Amino acid sequence: MTTLTLCAQATVPAAGPRPLYTVALPTGLELINSNQSQHRARRARIVKVLRGKTQEAVTECPALMDALAAAKPGPLFQRAHILGILHPNTAGRRDPANWYPSFKACVDGLVDAGLLDDDDHTRLLGPDMRLGHKVKGSQLVLVIRGLAPDEDWPNLGAVAR
């Protein structure tokens, strides 16, 4: 089994000079699946934990904290793309999009941490959810890439007309 680092920074040549930041949440967190029926109080408690753990993961990432300090007083990203990776507890078929409520709570945690001003469509592409390898206890991982003001991937303007 591969161990994921809590935080990493990489630069992808095809992406230009903008780095990718990887934020891995702790394993074993309770997640929300859109197919589950939950009482709103329980759901709110899970959302609060996921938001807080995401914000905590950002503050424990030296590369992100350095980048945030350099970006002050504004957010780190004016626009960004987020890839969300679900690492399930067990092998088998899954629909990673069913965990959208969990990813949404994590994106809100990134906003709380100051990476983005907001997570509306003018600032954020994604989260695009993917299935990762099996991790004991399951885990959510977010890969964040800054975008240029006019950059879309893929060319969503041509498809959305």
N, C-alpha and C. Protein backbone atom coordinates (compact mmCIF):
# COMPACT_ATOMS: atom_id res chain seq x y z
N MET A 1 0.84 -1.17 0.00
CA MET A 1 0.00 0.00 0.00
C MET A 1 0.90 1.24 0.00
N THR A 2 0.53 2.23 -0.81
CA THR A 2 1.29 3.46 -0.91
C THR A 2 0.82 4.43 0.15
N THR A 3 1.73 5.06 0.84
CA THR A 3 1.38 6.07 1.82
C THR A 3 1.39 7.44 1.14
N LEU A 4 0.34 8.20 1.32
CA LEU A 4 0.26 9.53 0.73
C LEU A 4 0.80 10.55 1.71
N THR A 5 1.53 11.51 1.19
CA THR A 5 2.01 12.58 2.04
C THR A 5 0.86 13.52 2.35
N LEU A 6 0.92 14.18 3.49
CA LEU A 6 -0.13 15.09 3.90
C LEU A 6 -0.21 16.27 2.95
N CYS A 7 0.93 16.73 2.47
CA CYS A 7 0.95 17.88 1.60
C CYS A 7 2.15 17.78 0.69
N ALA A 8 1.95 18.13 -0.55
CA ALA A 8 3.06 18.11 -1.49
C ALA A 8 2.88 19.21 -2.51
N GLN A 9 3.97 19.65 -3.10
CA GLN A 9 3.92 20.64 -4.17
C GLN A 9 4.72 20.09 -5.33
N ALA A 10 4.19 20.25 -6.52
CA ALA A 10 4.88 19.81 -7.73
C ALA A 10 4.57 20.80 -8.84
N THR A 11 5.46 20.92 -9.79
CA THR A 11 5.21 21.73 -10.97
C THR A 11 5.14 20.80 -12.16
N VAL A 12 4.07 20.90 -12.90
CA VAL A 12 3.88 20.06 -14.08
C VAL A 12 4.27 20.88 -15.30
N PRO A 13 5.23 20.41 -16.10
CA PRO A 13 5.69 21.20 -17.25
C PRO A 13 4.56 21.63 -18.18
N ALA A 14 3.59 20.76 -18.44
CA ALA A 14 2.49 21.11 -19.34
C ALA A 14 1.61 22.20 -18.74
N ALA A 15 1.62 22.34 -17.43
CA ALA A 15 0.78 23.33 -16.77
C ALA A 15 1.48 24.68 -16.68
N GLY A 16 2.70 24.76 -17.17
CA GLY A 16 3.42 26.02 -17.08
C GLY A 16 4.02 26.20 -15.70
N PRO A 17 4.25 27.44 -15.30
CA PRO A 17 4.93 27.69 -14.04
C PRO A 17 4.04 27.52 -12.81
N ARG A 18 2.74 27.28 -13.00
CA ARG A 18 1.84 27.16 -11.85
C ARG A 18 2.00 25.79 -11.20
N PRO A 19 2.26 25.77 -9.92
CA PRO A 19 2.46 24.48 -9.24
C PRO A 19 1.13 23.79 -8.93
N LEU A 20 1.22 22.50 -8.71
CA LEU A 20 0.11 21.70 -8.20
C LEU A 20 0.34 21.51 -6.71
N TYR A 21 -0.70 21.66 -5.93
CA TYR A 21 -0.62 21.39 -4.50
C TYR A 21 -1.51 20.20 -4.19
N THR A 22 -0.98 19.23 -3.47
CA THR A 22 -1.74 18.05 -3.08
C THR A 22 -1.97 18.10 -1.58
N VAL A 23 -3.23 18.04 -1.19
CA VAL A 23 -3.60 18.06 0.21
C VAL A 23 -4.36 16.77 0.50
N ALA A 24 -3.80 15.93 1.35
CA ALA A 24 -4.42 14.66 1.73
C ALA A 24 -5.02 14.79 3.12
N LEU A 25 -6.30 14.50 3.23
CA LEU A 25 -6.95 14.51 4.53
C LEU A 25 -6.56 13.25 5.30
N PRO A 26 -6.71 13.26 6.60
CA PRO A 26 -6.39 12.06 7.38
C PRO A 26 -7.31 10.90 6.98
N THR A 27 -6.82 9.70 7.15
CA THR A 27 -7.64 8.52 6.89
C THR A 27 -8.65 8.35 8.02
N GLY A 28 -9.70 7.62 7.72
CA GLY A 28 -10.68 7.26 8.75
C GLY A 28 -11.76 8.29 9.02
N LEU A 29 -11.79 9.39 8.26
CA LEU A 29 -12.85 10.39 8.46
C LEU A 29 -14.18 9.85 7.95
N GLU A 30 -15.24 10.20 8.63
CA GLU A 30 -16.57 9.83 8.16
C GLU A 30 -16.89 10.70 6.94
N LEU A 31 -17.38 10.07 5.89
CA LEU A 31 -17.68 10.78 4.65
C LEU A 31 -19.17 10.75 4.37
N ILE A 32 -19.60 11.64 3.49
CA ILE A 32 -21.01 11.71 3.09
C ILE A 32 -21.13 11.22 1.66
N ASN A 33 -22.02 10.27 1.45
CA ASN A 33 -22.32 9.74 0.13
C ASN A 33 -23.71 10.24 -0.23
N SER A 34 -23.88 10.74 -1.45
CA SER A 34 -25.17 11.31 -1.84
C SER A 34 -26.29 10.27 -1.88
N ASN A 35 -25.96 8.99 -1.85
CA ASN A 35 -26.98 7.94 -1.82
C ASN A 35 -27.46 7.63 -0.40
N GLN A 36 -26.79 8.20 0.60
CA GLN A 36 -27.16 7.94 1.99
C GLN A 36 -28.27 8.89 2.43
N SER A 37 -29.14 8.38 3.26
CA SER A 37 -30.15 9.22 3.89
C SER A 37 -29.66 9.48 5.31
N GLN A 38 -29.42 10.76 5.61
CA GLN A 38 -28.89 11.10 6.94
C GLN A 38 -29.70 12.25 7.54
N HIS A 39 -29.78 12.24 8.84
CA HIS A 39 -30.40 13.37 9.54
C HIS A 39 -29.54 14.60 9.31
N ARG A 40 -30.18 15.74 9.15
CA ARG A 40 -29.43 16.96 8.83
C ARG A 40 -28.42 17.34 9.90
N ALA A 41 -28.68 17.01 11.16
CA ALA A 41 -27.72 17.33 12.22
C ALA A 41 -26.45 16.48 12.08
N ARG A 42 -26.63 15.21 11.75
CA ARG A 42 -25.46 14.33 11.56
C ARG A 42 -24.67 14.79 10.35
N ARG A 43 -25.38 15.11 9.27
CA ARG A 43 -24.72 15.58 8.05
C ARG A 43 -23.95 16.86 8.34
N ALA A 44 -24.55 17.79 9.08
CA ALA A 44 -23.89 19.05 9.41
C ALA A 44 -22.63 18.81 10.25
N ARG A 45 -22.68 17.83 11.14
CA ARG A 45 -21.50 17.50 11.97
C ARG A 45 -20.37 16.98 11.10
N ILE A 46 -20.69 16.11 10.13
CA ILE A 46 -19.68 15.55 9.24
C ILE A 46 -19.08 16.66 8.37
N VAL A 47 -19.94 17.54 7.84
CA VAL A 47 -19.45 18.66 7.02
C VAL A 47 -18.50 19.53 7.82
N LYS A 48 -18.86 19.81 9.06
CA LYS A 48 -18.01 20.66 9.91
C LYS A 48 -16.64 20.01 10.13
N VAL A 49 -16.62 18.72 10.36
CA VAL A 49 -15.35 18.01 10.56
C VAL A 49 -14.52 18.04 9.27
N LEU A 50 -15.14 17.75 8.14
CA LEU A 50 -14.39 17.73 6.87
C LEU A 50 -13.83 19.12 6.54
N ARG A 51 -14.63 20.16 6.74
CA ARG A 51 -14.14 21.53 6.49
C ARG A 51 -12.96 21.85 7.40
N GLY A 52 -13.10 21.51 8.67
CA GLY A 52 -12.04 21.79 9.63
C GLY A 52 -10.77 21.01 9.35
N LYS A 53 -10.90 19.73 9.01
CA LYS A 53 -9.72 18.91 8.72
C LYS A 53 -9.03 19.38 7.44
N THR A 54 -9.80 19.87 6.47
CA THR A 54 -9.20 20.40 5.24
C THR A 54 -8.42 21.67 5.56
N GLN A 55 -9.03 22.55 6.33
CA GLN A 55 -8.35 23.79 6.71
C GLN A 55 -7.09 23.48 7.52
N GLU A 56 -7.18 22.51 8.40
CA GLU A 56 -6.03 22.10 9.20
C GLU A 56 -4.92 21.52 8.31
N ALA A 57 -5.29 20.72 7.31
CA ALA A 57 -4.30 20.15 6.40
C ALA A 57 -3.57 21.24 5.63
N VAL A 58 -4.29 22.30 5.26
CA VAL A 58 -3.65 23.42 4.56
C VAL A 58 -2.65 24.12 5.50
N THR A 59 -3.04 24.35 6.74
CA THR A 59 -2.15 25.06 7.67
C THR A 59 -0.92 24.23 8.03
N GLU A 60 -1.01 22.90 7.86
CA GLU A 60 0.13 22.04 8.15
C GLU A 60 1.03 21.82 6.94
N CYS A 61 0.72 22.50 5.83
CA CYS A 61 1.49 22.34 4.61
C CYS A 61 2.40 23.55 4.43
N PRO A 62 3.70 23.41 4.66
CA PRO A 62 4.61 24.55 4.55
C PRO A 62 4.59 25.22 3.19
N ALA A 63 4.50 24.43 2.11
CA ALA A 63 4.49 25.02 0.77
C ALA A 63 3.26 25.90 0.57
N LEU A 64 2.11 25.43 1.02
CA LEU A 64 0.89 26.22 0.88
C LEU A 64 0.92 27.46 1.79
N MET A 65 1.43 27.30 2.98
CA MET A 65 1.47 28.44 3.91
C MET A 65 2.43 29.51 3.39
N ASP A 66 3.56 29.11 2.81
CA ASP A 66 4.49 30.07 2.21
C ASP A 66 3.83 30.79 1.04
N ALA A 67 3.13 30.03 0.19
CA ALA A 67 2.46 30.63 -0.96
C ALA A 67 1.34 31.57 -0.50
N LEU A 68 0.60 31.18 0.53
CA LEU A 68 -0.46 32.05 1.07
C LEU A 68 0.12 33.34 1.63
N ALA A 69 1.23 33.24 2.33
CA ALA A 69 1.87 34.44 2.89
C ALA A 69 2.31 35.38 1.78
N ALA A 70 2.84 34.82 0.70
CA ALA A 70 3.29 35.64 -0.42
C ALA A 70 2.11 36.29 -1.15
N ALA A 71 0.95 35.66 -1.11
CA ALA A 71 -0.23 36.17 -1.82
C ALA A 71 -1.00 37.22 -1.02
N LYS A 72 -0.72 37.36 0.25
CA LYS A 72 -1.47 38.28 1.10
C LYS A 72 -1.40 39.69 0.57
N PRO A 73 -2.46 40.47 0.64
CA PRO A 73 -3.67 40.27 1.43
C PRO A 73 -4.75 39.48 0.72
N GLY A 74 -4.56 39.07 -0.51
CA GLY A 74 -5.60 38.35 -1.25
C GLY A 74 -5.49 36.86 -1.08
N PRO A 75 -6.36 36.12 -1.77
CA PRO A 75 -6.29 34.65 -1.72
C PRO A 75 -5.11 34.14 -2.54
N LEU A 76 -4.76 32.90 -2.34
CA LEU A 76 -3.66 32.30 -3.09
C LEU A 76 -4.02 32.19 -4.57
N PHE A 77 -5.26 31.80 -4.86
CA PHE A 77 -5.69 31.61 -6.24
C PHE A 77 -6.84 32.54 -6.57
N GLN A 78 -6.75 33.21 -7.71
CA GLN A 78 -7.90 33.94 -8.24
C GLN A 78 -8.88 32.95 -8.87
N ARG A 79 -8.29 31.94 -9.53
CA ARG A 79 -9.06 30.85 -10.13
C ARG A 79 -8.26 29.56 -9.94
N ALA A 80 -8.96 28.45 -9.85
CA ALA A 80 -8.27 27.18 -9.64
C ALA A 80 -9.10 26.02 -10.18
N HIS A 81 -8.41 24.92 -10.43
CA HIS A 81 -9.04 23.65 -10.76
C HIS A 81 -8.71 22.69 -9.62
N ILE A 82 -9.72 21.94 -9.18
CA ILE A 82 -9.50 20.97 -8.10
C ILE A 82 -9.88 19.58 -8.59
N LEU A 83 -8.95 18.67 -8.41
CA LEU A 83 -9.18 17.26 -8.66
C LEU A 83 -9.35 16.60 -7.30
N GLY A 84 -10.47 15.93 -7.10
CA GLY A 84 -10.73 15.23 -5.84
C GLY A 84 -10.58 13.74 -6.04
N ILE A 85 -9.76 13.10 -5.23
CA ILE A 85 -9.51 11.67 -5.37
C ILE A 85 -10.04 10.96 -4.12
N LEU A 86 -10.92 10.00 -4.34
CA LEU A 86 -11.45 9.16 -3.27
C LEU A 86 -10.62 7.88 -3.24
N HIS A 87 -9.96 7.64 -2.11
CA HIS A 87 -9.24 6.39 -1.89
C HIS A 87 -10.12 5.55 -0.96
N PRO A 88 -10.80 4.54 -1.51
CA PRO A 88 -11.75 3.77 -0.70
C PRO A 88 -11.05 2.82 0.26
N ASN A 89 -11.80 2.38 1.23
CA ASN A 89 -11.31 1.46 2.25
C ASN A 89 -11.15 0.04 1.69
N THR A 90 -11.99 -0.31 0.75
CA THR A 90 -11.96 -1.65 0.18
C THR A 90 -11.93 -1.58 -1.34
N ALA A 91 -11.50 -2.67 -1.95
CA ALA A 91 -11.50 -2.75 -3.41
C ALA A 91 -12.93 -2.97 -3.89
N GLY A 92 -13.16 -2.64 -5.13
CA GLY A 92 -14.49 -2.86 -5.70
C GLY A 92 -14.90 -1.68 -6.55
N ARG A 93 -16.03 -1.83 -7.19
CA ARG A 93 -16.54 -0.77 -8.06
C ARG A 93 -17.16 0.34 -7.23
N ARG A 94 -16.92 1.56 -7.66
CA ARG A 94 -17.46 2.72 -6.97
C ARG A 94 -17.81 3.79 -8.00
N ASP A 95 -18.67 4.69 -7.60
CA ASP A 95 -18.97 5.89 -8.38
C ASP A 95 -18.46 7.07 -7.54
N PRO A 96 -17.25 7.58 -7.82
CA PRO A 96 -16.68 8.62 -6.97
C PRO A 96 -17.53 9.88 -6.91
N ALA A 97 -18.36 10.12 -7.91
CA ALA A 97 -19.22 11.31 -7.88
C ALA A 97 -20.25 11.24 -6.76
N ASN A 98 -20.55 10.04 -6.25
CA ASN A 98 -21.49 9.92 -5.13
C ASN A 98 -20.95 10.56 -3.86
N TRP A 99 -19.65 10.77 -3.79
CA TRP A 99 -19.05 11.40 -2.61
C TRP A 99 -18.93 12.91 -2.79
N TYR A 100 -19.64 13.48 -3.76
CA TYR A 100 -19.60 14.92 -3.98
C TYR A 100 -19.86 15.72 -2.70
N PRO A 101 -20.84 15.36 -1.86
CA PRO A 101 -21.04 16.16 -0.64
C PRO A 101 -19.79 16.23 0.24
N SER A 102 -19.01 15.17 0.28
CA SER A 102 -17.76 15.20 1.06
C SER A 102 -16.74 16.12 0.41
N PHE A 103 -16.60 16.00 -0.93
CA PHE A 103 -15.66 16.87 -1.64
C PHE A 103 -16.07 18.33 -1.51
N LYS A 104 -17.37 18.61 -1.56
CA LYS A 104 -17.87 19.99 -1.43
C LYS A 104 -17.48 20.56 -0.07
N ALA A 105 -17.62 19.77 0.97
CA ALA A 105 -17.22 20.24 2.31
C ALA A 105 -15.73 20.54 2.35
N CYS A 106 -14.92 19.73 1.67
CA CYS A 106 -13.48 19.97 1.63
C CYS A 106 -13.15 21.25 0.85
N VAL A 107 -13.85 21.48 -0.26
CA VAL A 107 -13.63 22.70 -1.03
C VAL A 107 -13.98 23.92 -0.17
N ASP A 108 -15.04 23.83 0.60
CA ASP A 108 -15.39 24.92 1.52
C ASP A 108 -14.27 25.14 2.54
N GLY A 109 -13.62 24.06 2.96
CA GLY A 109 -12.47 24.18 3.86
C GLY A 109 -11.29 24.89 3.21
N LEU A 110 -11.11 24.68 1.90
CA LEU A 110 -10.05 25.40 1.18
C LEU A 110 -10.35 26.89 1.13
N VAL A 111 -11.63 27.23 0.95
CA VAL A 111 -12.04 28.64 0.96
C VAL A 111 -11.81 29.22 2.37
N ASP A 112 -12.20 28.47 3.39
CA ASP A 112 -11.98 28.90 4.78
C ASP A 112 -10.50 29.16 5.05
N ALA A 113 -9.63 28.37 4.42
CA ALA A 113 -8.18 28.50 4.64
C ALA A 113 -7.58 29.67 3.85
N GLY A 114 -8.36 30.27 2.95
CA GLY A 114 -7.88 31.43 2.21
C GLY A 114 -7.27 31.13 0.85
N LEU A 115 -7.45 29.89 0.36
CA LEU A 115 -6.90 29.58 -0.95
C LEU A 115 -7.69 30.26 -2.07
N LEU A 116 -8.99 30.40 -1.87
CA LEU A 116 -9.88 31.05 -2.83
C LEU A 116 -10.80 32.00 -2.07
N ASP A 117 -11.25 33.06 -2.75
CA ASP A 117 -12.25 33.95 -2.14
C ASP A 117 -13.59 33.25 -2.00
N ASP A 118 -13.93 32.43 -2.97
CA ASP A 118 -15.21 31.75 -2.99
C ASP A 118 -15.08 30.54 -3.91
N ASP A 119 -16.07 29.66 -3.88
CA ASP A 119 -16.01 28.48 -4.75
C ASP A 119 -17.07 28.53 -5.83
N ASP A 120 -17.44 29.73 -6.27
CA ASP A 120 -18.43 29.84 -7.34
C ASP A 120 -17.78 29.54 -8.70
N HIS A 121 -18.61 29.52 -9.74
CA HIS A 121 -18.14 29.11 -11.07
C HIS A 121 -17.13 30.07 -11.69
N THR A 122 -17.05 31.29 -11.21
CA THR A 122 -16.08 32.23 -11.77
C THR A 122 -14.67 31.99 -11.23
N ARG A 123 -14.56 31.26 -10.14
CA ARG A 123 -13.27 31.05 -9.49
C ARG A 123 -12.80 29.60 -9.48
N LEU A 124 -13.73 28.67 -9.70
CA LEU A 124 -13.38 27.27 -9.49
C LEU A 124 -13.89 26.38 -10.60
N LEU A 125 -13.02 25.52 -11.10
CA LEU A 125 -13.40 24.40 -11.95
C LEU A 125 -13.28 23.16 -11.09
N GLY A 126 -14.33 22.39 -11.03
CA GLY A 126 -14.32 21.17 -10.23
C GLY A 126 -15.11 21.35 -8.96
N PRO A 127 -15.00 20.45 -8.05
CA PRO A 127 -14.02 19.37 -8.05
C PRO A 127 -14.39 18.25 -9.02
N ASP A 128 -13.38 17.79 -9.73
CA ASP A 128 -13.53 16.62 -10.59
C ASP A 128 -13.17 15.42 -9.74
N MET A 129 -14.11 14.52 -9.57
CA MET A 129 -13.91 13.40 -8.68
C MET A 129 -13.40 12.16 -9.42
N ARG A 130 -12.38 11.54 -8.83
CA ARG A 130 -11.79 10.33 -9.40
C ARG A 130 -11.61 9.29 -8.30
N LEU A 131 -11.48 8.04 -8.73
CA LEU A 131 -11.26 6.95 -7.80
C LEU A 131 -9.77 6.64 -7.74
N GLY A 132 -9.23 6.59 -6.55
CA GLY A 132 -7.83 6.25 -6.34
C GLY A 132 -7.69 4.81 -5.88
N HIS A 133 -6.50 4.47 -5.44
CA HIS A 133 -6.24 3.12 -4.96
C HIS A 133 -6.79 2.94 -3.54
N LYS A 134 -6.87 1.71 -3.11
CA LYS A 134 -7.39 1.37 -1.79
C LYS A 134 -6.44 1.88 -0.71
N VAL A 135 -7.02 2.52 0.32
CA VAL A 135 -6.27 3.01 1.47
C VAL A 135 -7.04 2.59 2.72
N LYS A 136 -6.36 1.97 3.66
CA LYS A 136 -7.02 1.52 4.89
C LYS A 136 -7.64 2.73 5.61
N GLY A 137 -8.92 2.65 5.86
CA GLY A 137 -9.64 3.73 6.53
C GLY A 137 -10.26 4.72 5.56
N SER A 138 -9.98 4.62 4.28
CA SER A 138 -10.39 5.52 3.20
C SER A 138 -9.80 6.92 3.41
N GLN A 139 -9.74 7.66 2.31
CA GLN A 139 -9.09 8.96 2.38
C GLN A 139 -9.53 9.82 1.20
N LEU A 140 -9.65 11.11 1.43
CA LEU A 140 -9.88 12.08 0.36
C LEU A 140 -8.59 12.86 0.14
N VAL A 141 -8.26 13.07 -1.13
CA VAL A 141 -7.08 13.83 -1.51
C VAL A 141 -7.53 14.90 -2.50
N LEU A 142 -7.05 16.11 -2.32
CA LEU A 142 -7.37 17.22 -3.21
C LEU A 142 -6.09 17.66 -3.92
N VAL A 143 -6.16 17.80 -5.23
CA VAL A 143 -5.04 18.31 -6.01
C VAL A 143 -5.50 19.64 -6.59
N ILE A 144 -4.82 20.72 -6.21
CA ILE A 144 -5.24 22.07 -6.56
C ILE A 144 -4.23 22.68 -7.52
N ARG A 145 -4.75 23.25 -8.61
CA ARG A 145 -3.89 23.91 -9.60
C ARG A 145 -4.47 25.28 -9.91
N GLY A 146 -3.66 26.30 -9.78
CA GLY A 146 -4.10 27.65 -10.14
C GLY A 146 -4.32 27.76 -11.63
N LEU A 147 -5.29 28.56 -12.01
CA LEU A 147 -5.59 28.80 -13.42
C LEU A 147 -5.39 30.27 -13.75
N ALA A 148 -5.02 30.55 -14.98
CA ALA A 148 -4.95 31.93 -15.45
C ALA A 148 -6.38 32.48 -15.53
N PRO A 149 -6.54 33.80 -15.51
CA PRO A 149 -7.88 34.38 -15.51
C PRO A 149 -8.79 33.90 -16.63
N ASP A 150 -8.25 33.63 -17.81
CA ASP A 150 -9.09 33.22 -18.94
C ASP A 150 -8.93 31.74 -19.29
N GLU A 151 -8.28 30.98 -18.43
CA GLU A 151 -7.99 29.57 -18.73
C GLU A 151 -9.14 28.67 -18.28
N ASP A 152 -9.58 27.81 -19.19
CA ASP A 152 -10.54 26.76 -18.88
C ASP A 152 -9.97 25.45 -19.37
N TRP A 153 -10.25 24.40 -18.65
CA TRP A 153 -9.88 23.08 -19.13
C TRP A 153 -10.99 22.11 -18.76
N PRO A 154 -11.51 21.34 -19.66
CA PRO A 154 -11.32 21.51 -21.10
C PRO A 154 -12.02 22.77 -21.57
N ASN A 155 -12.05 23.00 -22.88
CA ASN A 155 -12.67 24.20 -23.41
C ASN A 155 -14.18 24.13 -23.17
N LEU A 156 -14.57 24.50 -21.97
CA LEU A 156 -15.96 24.40 -21.57
C LEU A 156 -16.85 25.38 -22.32
N GLY A 157 -16.30 26.50 -22.77
CA GLY A 157 -17.09 27.49 -23.51
C GLY A 157 -17.67 26.90 -24.78
N ALA A 158 -16.91 26.09 -25.49
CA ALA A 158 -17.39 25.51 -26.75
C ALA A 158 -18.45 24.44 -26.50
N VAL A 159 -18.36 23.74 -25.39
CA VAL A 159 -19.29 22.67 -25.09
C VAL A 159 -20.60 23.20 -24.52
N ALA A 160 -20.54 24.27 -23.74
CA ALA A 160 -21.69 24.78 -23.01
C ALA A 160 -22.67 25.58 -23.88
N ARG A 161 -22.34 25.86 -25.14
CA ARG A 161 -23.24 26.68 -25.97
C ARG A 161 -24.41 25.93 -26.47
